Amino acid sequence: MRNLYRLMRSTRAATAVEYGLILALIFIAAVGAVGNVANSTGLMWNNVSTAAQTNM
């Protein structure tokens, strides 16, 4: 119990939590960016497919 109290008062623990939050935000931004790229790429290939079928 004493170690838990010491950990709660430690500035290193607070820094670790801050770094964890920053990493979580970076991860969420990366997932959103990959999702947008995936949607754009899917739309592009659908347009290519439609154009190829129209011109055949």
N, C-alpha and C. Protein backbone atom coordinates (compact mmCIF):
# COMPACT_ATOMS: atom_id res chain seq x y z
N MET A 1 0.83 -1.18 0.00
CA MET A 1 0.00 0.00 0.00
C MET A 1 0.88 1.25 0.00
N ARG A 2 1.95 1.16 0.72
CA ARG A 2 2.86 2.29 0.81
C ARG A 2 3.51 2.58 -0.54
N ASN A 3 3.84 1.53 -1.29
CA ASN A 3 4.42 1.72 -2.62
C ASN A 3 3.42 2.37 -3.57
N LEU A 4 2.16 2.02 -3.44
CA LEU A 4 1.12 2.61 -4.28
C LEU A 4 1.00 4.11 -4.00
N TYR A 5 1.04 4.47 -2.73
CA TYR A 5 0.97 5.89 -2.36
C TYR A 5 2.18 6.64 -2.91
N ARG A 6 3.36 6.03 -2.80
CA ARG A 6 4.57 6.66 -3.31
C ARG A 6 4.51 6.81 -4.83
N LEU A 7 3.93 5.82 -5.52
CA LEU A 7 3.78 5.91 -6.96
C LEU A 7 2.81 7.02 -7.36
N MET A 8 1.74 7.19 -6.60
CA MET A 8 0.76 8.24 -6.89
C MET A 8 1.37 9.63 -6.71
N ARG A 9 2.31 9.77 -5.80
CA ARG A 9 2.93 11.07 -5.53
C ARG A 9 4.13 11.32 -6.45
N SER A 10 4.56 10.32 -7.19
CA SER A 10 5.75 10.43 -8.01
C SER A 10 5.48 11.26 -9.26
N THR A 11 6.43 12.09 -9.64
CA THR A 11 6.30 12.85 -10.88
C THR A 11 6.60 11.98 -12.08
N ARG A 12 7.36 10.91 -11.88
CA ARG A 12 7.65 10.01 -13.00
C ARG A 12 6.39 9.30 -13.46
N ALA A 13 5.52 8.96 -12.53
CA ALA A 13 4.26 8.31 -12.89
C ALA A 13 3.39 9.26 -13.70
N ALA A 14 3.37 10.52 -13.31
CA ALA A 14 2.59 11.51 -14.05
C ALA A 14 3.13 11.68 -15.46
N THR A 15 4.45 11.68 -15.60
CA THR A 15 5.07 11.81 -16.91
C THR A 15 4.74 10.60 -17.77
N ALA A 16 4.75 9.42 -17.18
CA ALA A 16 4.43 8.21 -17.92
C ALA A 16 2.98 8.25 -18.42
N VAL A 17 2.09 8.75 -17.60
CA VAL A 17 0.68 8.87 -18.00
C VAL A 17 0.55 9.87 -19.14
N GLU A 18 1.25 10.97 -19.07
CA GLU A 18 1.21 11.96 -20.14
C GLU A 18 1.71 11.38 -21.45
N TYR A 19 2.82 10.66 -21.38
CA TYR A 19 3.34 10.02 -22.60
C TYR A 19 2.34 8.99 -23.15
N GLY A 20 1.68 8.28 -22.28
CA GLY A 20 0.67 7.32 -22.71
C GLY A 20 -0.49 8.00 -23.43
N LEU A 21 -0.93 9.13 -22.92
CA LEU A 21 -2.01 9.88 -23.56
C LEU A 21 -1.58 10.42 -24.93
N ILE A 22 -0.35 10.90 -25.01
CA ILE A 22 0.16 11.39 -26.30
C ILE A 22 0.22 10.25 -27.31
N LEU A 23 0.70 9.10 -26.89
CA LEU A 23 0.75 7.94 -27.79
C LEU A 23 -0.64 7.52 -28.23
N ALA A 24 -1.60 7.58 -27.33
CA ALA A 24 -2.98 7.21 -27.68
C ALA A 24 -3.54 8.17 -28.73
N LEU A 25 -3.28 9.46 -28.58
CA LEU A 25 -3.76 10.44 -29.56
C LEU A 25 -3.09 10.24 -30.92
N ILE A 26 -1.79 9.94 -30.91
CA ILE A 26 -1.08 9.69 -32.17
C ILE A 26 -1.66 8.44 -32.85
N PHE A 27 -1.95 7.41 -32.07
CA PHE A 27 -2.51 6.18 -32.62
C PHE A 27 -3.89 6.43 -33.23
N ILE A 28 -4.71 7.20 -32.55
CA ILE A 28 -6.06 7.49 -33.07
C ILE A 28 -5.96 8.30 -34.36
N ALA A 29 -5.03 9.25 -34.41
CA ALA A 29 -4.84 10.04 -35.64
C ALA A 29 -4.36 9.16 -36.78
N ALA A 30 -3.45 8.23 -36.49
CA ALA A 30 -2.94 7.33 -37.52
C ALA A 30 -4.04 6.42 -38.05
N VAL A 31 -4.86 5.89 -37.19
CA VAL A 31 -5.96 5.03 -37.61
C VAL A 31 -6.94 5.81 -38.49
N GLY A 32 -7.23 7.03 -38.11
CA GLY A 32 -8.12 7.86 -38.92
C GLY A 32 -7.52 8.16 -40.29
N ALA A 33 -6.23 8.43 -40.33
CA ALA A 33 -5.57 8.72 -41.61
C ALA A 33 -5.57 7.50 -42.51
N VAL A 34 -5.28 6.35 -41.96
CA VAL A 34 -5.28 5.11 -42.76
C VAL A 34 -6.68 4.81 -43.27
N GLY A 35 -7.68 5.07 -42.46
CA GLY A 35 -9.07 4.86 -42.90
C GLY A 35 -9.43 5.76 -44.06
N ASN A 36 -9.01 7.02 -43.99
CA ASN A 36 -9.30 7.95 -45.09
C ASN A 36 -8.58 7.54 -46.37
N VAL A 37 -7.34 7.11 -46.24
CA VAL A 37 -6.59 6.65 -47.42
C VAL A 37 -7.25 5.41 -48.02
N ALA A 38 -7.71 4.52 -47.17
CA ALA A 38 -8.37 3.30 -47.66
C ALA A 38 -9.64 3.65 -48.43
N ASN A 39 -10.43 4.58 -47.91
CA ASN A 39 -11.64 4.99 -48.62
C ASN A 39 -11.32 5.63 -49.96
N SER A 40 -10.33 6.51 -49.98
CA SER A 40 -9.94 7.17 -51.22
C SER A 40 -9.45 6.18 -52.25
N THR A 41 -8.65 5.22 -51.80
CA THR A 41 -8.12 4.21 -52.71
C THR A 41 -9.24 3.33 -53.26
N GLY A 42 -10.18 2.96 -52.42
CA GLY A 42 -11.32 2.16 -52.88
C GLY A 42 -12.14 2.88 -53.92
N LEU A 43 -12.40 4.16 -53.69
CA LEU A 43 -13.14 4.96 -54.67
C LEU A 43 -12.38 5.08 -55.98
N MET A 44 -11.08 5.24 -55.90
CA MET A 44 -10.27 5.36 -57.10
C MET A 44 -10.37 4.09 -57.94
N TRP A 45 -10.22 2.93 -57.28
CA TRP A 45 -10.27 1.67 -58.04
C TRP A 45 -11.67 1.39 -58.59
N ASN A 46 -12.70 1.84 -57.88
CA ASN A 46 -14.05 1.70 -58.41
C ASN A 46 -14.23 2.54 -59.68
N ASN A 47 -13.67 3.75 -59.67
CA ASN A 47 -13.73 4.60 -60.86
C ASN A 47 -12.97 3.97 -62.02
N VAL A 48 -11.80 3.39 -61.74
CA VAL A 48 -11.02 2.73 -62.78
C VAL A 48 -11.81 1.55 -63.35
N SER A 49 -12.43 0.77 -62.49
CA SER A 49 -13.21 -0.38 -62.92
C SER A 49 -14.38 0.05 -63.80
N THR A 50 -15.09 1.09 -63.38
CA THR A 50 -16.22 1.59 -64.14
C THR A 50 -15.78 2.11 -65.51
N ALA A 51 -14.68 2.84 -65.55
CA ALA A 51 -14.17 3.37 -66.82
C ALA A 51 -13.73 2.23 -67.74
N ALA A 52 -13.12 1.21 -67.19
CA ALA A 52 -12.67 0.10 -68.01
C ALA A 52 -13.87 -0.66 -68.59
N GLN A 53 -14.90 -0.85 -67.80
CA GLN A 53 -16.09 -1.57 -68.29
C GLN A 53 -16.85 -0.73 -69.32
N THR A 54 -16.87 0.55 -69.15
CA THR A 54 -17.57 1.44 -70.09
C THR A 54 -16.88 1.45 -71.44
N ASN A 55 -15.56 1.42 -71.46
CA ASN A 55 -14.80 1.53 -72.69
C ASN A 55 -14.54 0.20 -73.38
N MET A 56 -15.02 -0.87 -72.81
CA MET A 56 -14.77 -2.17 -73.45
C MET A 56 -15.86 -2.51 -74.40
